[in-house]
Amino acid sequence: MRSSRYYIQASISEGMPNALMEAMLMGCLPVGSNVAGIPTIIGEYGVVFDKRDAESLKKALQTALEAELQPLDISKYVATNFTQRMRGELLQQVVEKLQK
């Protein structure tokens, strides 16, 4: 990931993918499907596509290639908004809700 500029998370089913956050921490511009936590993680720092077809992915990749987002900005965004502590607390809240 250190030498990559882009990261693609084209998932059908997903939670909050750690690999996506790791790629963004390394400054990779993410392209991800509109599934579960992927759009939340990407926010305005990448490209989210809605349909599960080749044309939608192709358009998303083209948009990513034209994006002017800077690797350092992507890294800072994910480091600030998805800390390990925050993710742990959110996971704990979900588990507690499931136990009720």
N, C-alpha and C. Protein backbone atom coordinates (compact mmCIF):
# COMPACT_ATOMS: atom_id res chain seq x y z
N MET A 1 0.82 -1.20 0.00
CA MET A 1 0.00 0.00 0.00
C MET A 1 0.86 1.26 0.00
N ARG A 2 2.05 1.14 0.52
CA ARG A 2 2.93 2.31 0.60
C ARG A 2 3.25 2.87 -0.79
N SER A 3 3.29 2.00 -1.79
CA SER A 3 3.63 2.48 -3.13
C SER A 3 2.39 2.60 -4.03
N SER A 4 1.21 2.35 -3.48
CA SER A 4 -0.02 2.45 -4.27
C SER A 4 -0.67 3.81 -4.08
N ARG A 5 -1.36 4.25 -5.09
CA ARG A 5 -2.09 5.53 -5.02
C ARG A 5 -3.58 5.30 -4.80
N TYR A 6 -4.08 4.10 -5.19
CA TYR A 6 -5.51 3.82 -5.11
C TYR A 6 -5.75 2.50 -4.39
N TYR A 7 -6.93 2.39 -3.80
CA TYR A 7 -7.35 1.15 -3.14
C TYR A 7 -8.81 0.92 -3.50
N ILE A 8 -9.13 -0.28 -3.96
CA ILE A 8 -10.50 -0.61 -4.35
C ILE A 8 -11.08 -1.62 -3.38
N GLN A 9 -12.25 -1.27 -2.81
CA GLN A 9 -12.99 -2.17 -1.91
C GLN A 9 -14.37 -2.37 -2.56
N ALA A 10 -14.40 -3.23 -3.58
CA ALA A 10 -15.63 -3.52 -4.30
C ALA A 10 -16.30 -4.73 -3.67
N SER A 11 -17.01 -4.49 -2.58
CA SER A 11 -17.61 -5.56 -1.80
C SER A 11 -19.10 -5.68 -2.04
N ILE A 12 -19.60 -6.88 -1.87
CA ILE A 12 -21.05 -7.13 -1.92
C ILE A 12 -21.62 -7.03 -0.52
N SER A 13 -20.87 -7.52 0.44
CA SER A 13 -21.28 -7.48 1.84
C SER A 13 -20.05 -7.14 2.67
N GLU A 14 -20.22 -6.24 3.63
CA GLU A 14 -19.05 -5.76 4.38
C GLU A 14 -19.51 -5.14 5.69
N GLY A 15 -18.59 -5.01 6.60
CA GLY A 15 -18.85 -4.28 7.84
C GLY A 15 -18.13 -2.94 7.75
N MET A 16 -17.16 -2.76 8.62
CA MET A 16 -16.28 -1.59 8.59
C MET A 16 -14.88 -2.14 8.28
N PRO A 17 -14.53 -2.25 7.02
CA PRO A 17 -13.30 -2.95 6.64
C PRO A 17 -12.02 -2.28 7.12
N ASN A 18 -11.27 -3.03 7.92
CA ASN A 18 -9.98 -2.54 8.40
C ASN A 18 -9.01 -2.29 7.25
N ALA A 19 -9.05 -3.16 6.24
CA ALA A 19 -8.13 -2.99 5.10
C ALA A 19 -8.34 -1.65 4.42
N LEU A 20 -9.59 -1.21 4.33
CA LEU A 20 -9.89 0.09 3.73
C LEU A 20 -9.28 1.21 4.57
N MET A 21 -9.46 1.13 5.87
CA MET A 21 -8.88 2.15 6.75
C MET A 21 -7.36 2.14 6.70
N GLU A 22 -6.77 0.96 6.64
CA GLU A 22 -5.31 0.85 6.55
C GLU A 22 -4.80 1.49 5.26
N ALA A 23 -5.51 1.22 4.16
CA ALA A 23 -5.10 1.81 2.88
C ALA A 23 -5.18 3.33 2.92
N MET A 24 -6.26 3.83 3.52
CA MET A 24 -6.43 5.28 3.62
C MET A 24 -5.37 5.88 4.54
N LEU A 25 -5.01 5.19 5.61
CA LEU A 25 -3.94 5.68 6.48
C LEU A 25 -2.62 5.82 5.71
N MET A 26 -2.43 4.96 4.72
CA MET A 26 -1.23 5.02 3.90
C MET A 26 -1.36 6.06 2.78
N GLY A 27 -2.53 6.74 2.72
CA GLY A 27 -2.72 7.79 1.73
C GLY A 27 -3.34 7.34 0.42
N CYS A 28 -3.77 6.08 0.35
CA CYS A 28 -4.40 5.60 -0.88
C CYS A 28 -5.79 6.22 -1.03
N LEU A 29 -6.12 6.62 -2.24
CA LEU A 29 -7.44 7.14 -2.54
C LEU A 29 -8.38 5.95 -2.71
N PRO A 30 -9.42 5.85 -1.88
CA PRO A 30 -10.28 4.67 -1.92
C PRO A 30 -11.41 4.78 -2.94
N VAL A 31 -11.72 3.65 -3.52
CA VAL A 31 -12.90 3.47 -4.37
C VAL A 31 -13.64 2.29 -3.75
N GLY A 32 -14.90 2.53 -3.34
CA GLY A 32 -15.61 1.46 -2.66
C GLY A 32 -17.08 1.40 -3.01
N SER A 33 -17.64 0.22 -2.84
CA SER A 33 -19.06 0.04 -3.11
C SER A 33 -19.89 0.61 -1.96
N ASN A 34 -21.13 0.93 -2.27
CA ASN A 34 -22.05 1.53 -1.30
C ASN A 34 -22.66 0.42 -0.44
N VAL A 35 -21.84 -0.15 0.42
CA VAL A 35 -22.24 -1.28 1.26
C VAL A 35 -21.82 -1.01 2.70
N ALA A 36 -22.75 -1.15 3.62
CA ALA A 36 -22.50 -1.05 5.07
C ALA A 36 -21.63 0.16 5.41
N GLY A 37 -20.46 -0.07 6.03
CA GLY A 37 -19.64 1.02 6.54
C GLY A 37 -18.69 1.65 5.54
N ILE A 38 -18.63 1.12 4.33
CA ILE A 38 -17.68 1.65 3.35
C ILE A 38 -17.90 3.13 3.05
N PRO A 39 -19.13 3.57 2.74
CA PRO A 39 -19.32 5.00 2.47
C PRO A 39 -19.02 5.88 3.68
N THR A 40 -19.29 5.37 4.87
CA THR A 40 -19.01 6.12 6.09
C THR A 40 -17.51 6.35 6.23
N ILE A 41 -16.74 5.32 5.98
CA ILE A 41 -15.29 5.44 6.10
C ILE A 41 -14.74 6.38 5.02
N ILE A 42 -15.16 6.19 3.79
CA ILE A 42 -14.63 6.98 2.68
C ILE A 42 -15.01 8.46 2.81
N GLY A 43 -16.24 8.72 3.19
CA GLY A 43 -16.68 10.11 3.31
C GLY A 43 -16.45 10.87 2.02
N GLU A 44 -15.83 12.03 2.13
CA GLU A 44 -15.53 12.85 0.95
C GLU A 44 -14.09 12.66 0.47
N TYR A 45 -13.45 11.60 0.96
CA TYR A 45 -12.04 11.37 0.66
C TYR A 45 -11.83 10.18 -0.28
N GLY A 46 -12.76 9.98 -1.19
CA GLY A 46 -12.64 8.91 -2.15
C GLY A 46 -13.91 8.85 -2.99
N VAL A 47 -14.13 7.72 -3.61
CA VAL A 47 -15.26 7.55 -4.52
C VAL A 47 -16.07 6.33 -4.09
N VAL A 48 -17.39 6.53 -3.98
CA VAL A 48 -18.31 5.43 -3.67
C VAL A 48 -19.21 5.22 -4.87
N PHE A 49 -19.39 3.97 -5.27
CA PHE A 49 -20.29 3.68 -6.39
C PHE A 49 -21.43 2.79 -5.91
N ASP A 50 -22.62 2.99 -6.53
CA ASP A 50 -23.84 2.36 -6.05
C ASP A 50 -24.15 1.00 -6.67
N LYS A 51 -24.00 0.87 -7.95
CA LYS A 51 -24.42 -0.36 -8.64
C LYS A 51 -23.29 -1.37 -8.69
N ARG A 52 -23.68 -2.64 -8.64
CA ARG A 52 -22.69 -3.73 -8.72
C ARG A 52 -22.56 -4.19 -10.17
N ASP A 53 -21.98 -3.35 -10.98
CA ASP A 53 -21.72 -3.74 -12.36
C ASP A 53 -20.41 -3.12 -12.83
N ALA A 54 -19.91 -3.65 -13.91
CA ALA A 54 -18.61 -3.21 -14.41
C ALA A 54 -18.61 -1.73 -14.82
N GLU A 55 -19.70 -1.26 -15.39
CA GLU A 55 -19.75 0.13 -15.85
C GLU A 55 -19.67 1.10 -14.66
N SER A 56 -20.36 0.79 -13.57
CA SER A 56 -20.31 1.66 -12.38
C SER A 56 -18.91 1.69 -11.79
N LEU A 57 -18.27 0.53 -11.75
CA LEU A 57 -16.89 0.47 -11.24
C LEU A 57 -15.95 1.25 -12.16
N LYS A 58 -16.14 1.10 -13.45
CA LYS A 58 -15.31 1.82 -14.41
C LYS A 58 -15.45 3.34 -14.23
N LYS A 59 -16.68 3.82 -14.07
CA LYS A 59 -16.90 5.26 -13.86
C LYS A 59 -16.27 5.73 -12.56
N ALA A 60 -16.40 4.91 -11.51
CA ALA A 60 -15.81 5.27 -10.21
C ALA A 60 -14.28 5.35 -10.31
N LEU A 61 -13.69 4.42 -11.02
CA LEU A 61 -12.24 4.44 -11.20
C LEU A 61 -11.79 5.68 -11.99
N GLN A 62 -12.56 6.03 -13.00
CA GLN A 62 -12.24 7.23 -13.78
C GLN A 62 -12.32 8.48 -12.90
N THR A 63 -13.36 8.53 -12.06
CA THR A 63 -13.50 9.66 -11.14
C THR A 63 -12.31 9.72 -10.19
N ALA A 64 -11.89 8.57 -9.69
CA ALA A 64 -10.73 8.52 -8.78
C ALA A 64 -9.46 9.00 -9.48
N LEU A 65 -9.28 8.59 -10.72
CA LEU A 65 -8.09 9.01 -11.47
C LEU A 65 -8.04 10.52 -11.68
N GLU A 66 -9.22 11.14 -11.72
CA GLU A 66 -9.29 12.59 -11.93
C GLU A 66 -9.34 13.39 -10.63
N ALA A 67 -9.47 12.71 -9.51
CA ALA A 67 -9.60 13.38 -8.21
C ALA A 67 -8.30 14.09 -7.84
N GLU A 68 -8.46 15.18 -7.13
CA GLU A 68 -7.30 15.96 -6.71
C GLU A 68 -7.04 15.83 -5.21
N LEU A 69 -7.53 14.76 -4.61
CA LEU A 69 -7.30 14.53 -3.18
C LEU A 69 -5.84 14.18 -2.95
N GLN A 70 -5.31 14.72 -1.87
CA GLN A 70 -3.91 14.50 -1.53
C GLN A 70 -3.75 13.35 -0.53
N PRO A 71 -2.76 12.50 -0.72
CA PRO A 71 -2.55 11.37 0.19
C PRO A 71 -2.50 11.76 1.67
N LEU A 72 -1.82 12.85 1.99
CA LEU A 72 -1.71 13.27 3.38
C LEU A 72 -3.08 13.66 3.95
N ASP A 73 -3.92 14.30 3.15
CA ASP A 73 -5.27 14.66 3.60
C ASP A 73 -6.12 13.42 3.87
N ILE A 74 -6.00 12.42 3.00
CA ILE A 74 -6.74 11.17 3.18
C ILE A 74 -6.29 10.49 4.47
N SER A 75 -4.99 10.42 4.67
CA SER A 75 -4.43 9.79 5.86
C SER A 75 -4.88 10.50 7.14
N LYS A 76 -4.80 11.82 7.15
CA LYS A 76 -5.20 12.59 8.33
C LYS A 76 -6.68 12.40 8.64
N TYR A 77 -7.52 12.38 7.59
CA TYR A 77 -8.96 12.20 7.79
C TYR A 77 -9.27 10.89 8.49
N VAL A 78 -8.72 9.81 7.99
CA VAL A 78 -9.05 8.51 8.59
C VAL A 78 -8.41 8.35 9.97
N ALA A 79 -7.22 8.90 10.15
CA ALA A 79 -6.55 8.82 11.46
C ALA A 79 -7.32 9.59 12.53
N THR A 80 -7.93 10.68 12.14
CA THR A 80 -8.68 11.51 13.08
C THR A 80 -10.07 10.97 13.36
N ASN A 81 -10.72 10.44 12.34
CA ASN A 81 -12.13 10.05 12.46
C ASN A 81 -12.38 8.59 12.78
N PHE A 82 -11.36 7.75 12.67
CA PHE A 82 -11.54 6.32 12.94
C PHE A 82 -10.38 5.77 13.76
N THR A 83 -10.20 6.36 14.93
CA THR A 83 -9.12 5.89 15.81
C THR A 83 -9.44 4.49 16.31
N GLN A 84 -8.42 3.80 16.73
CA GLN A 84 -8.61 2.45 17.28
C GLN A 84 -9.52 2.51 18.50
N ARG A 85 -9.34 3.50 19.33
CA ARG A 85 -10.17 3.65 20.53
C ARG A 85 -11.64 3.83 20.16
N MET A 86 -11.90 4.72 19.20
CA MET A 86 -13.27 4.97 18.77
C MET A 86 -13.92 3.72 18.20
N ARG A 87 -13.18 2.99 17.37
CA ARG A 87 -13.73 1.77 16.79
C ARG A 87 -14.01 0.73 17.87
N GLY A 88 -13.15 0.65 18.86
CA GLY A 88 -13.37 -0.28 19.97
C GLY A 88 -14.61 0.07 20.77
N GLU A 89 -14.78 1.36 21.03
CA GLU A 89 -15.96 1.81 21.77
C GLU A 89 -17.25 1.53 21.00
N LEU A 90 -17.22 1.78 19.70
CA LEU A 90 -18.41 1.51 18.88
C LEU A 90 -18.73 0.02 18.84
N LEU A 91 -17.69 -0.80 18.73
CA LEU A 91 -17.90 -2.24 18.73
C LEU A 91 -18.49 -2.69 20.06
N GLN A 92 -18.00 -2.15 21.14
CA GLN A 92 -18.52 -2.50 22.46
C GLN A 92 -19.99 -2.12 22.59
N GLN A 93 -20.37 -0.96 22.07
CA GLN A 93 -21.76 -0.54 22.10
C GLN A 93 -22.66 -1.49 21.32
N VAL A 94 -22.20 -1.93 20.17
CA VAL A 94 -22.98 -2.86 19.36
C VAL A 94 -23.16 -4.18 20.09
N VAL A 95 -22.09 -4.69 20.67
CA VAL A 95 -22.16 -5.97 21.41
C VAL A 95 -23.12 -5.85 22.59
N GLU A 96 -23.06 -4.73 23.30
CA GLU A 96 -23.95 -4.53 24.44
C GLU A 96 -25.41 -4.48 23.99
N LYS A 97 -25.68 -3.85 22.86
CA LYS A 97 -27.05 -3.79 22.33
C LYS A 97 -27.55 -5.18 21.95
N LEU A 98 -26.66 -5.98 21.38
CA LEU A 98 -27.03 -7.33 20.97
C LEU A 98 -27.34 -8.23 22.19
N GLN A 99 -26.71 -7.94 23.31
CA GLN A 99 -26.91 -8.74 24.51
C GLN A 99 -28.22 -8.41 25.22
N LYS A 100 -28.84 -7.31 24.89
CA LYS A 100 -30.08 -6.89 25.56
C LYS A 100 -31.28 -7.61 24.99
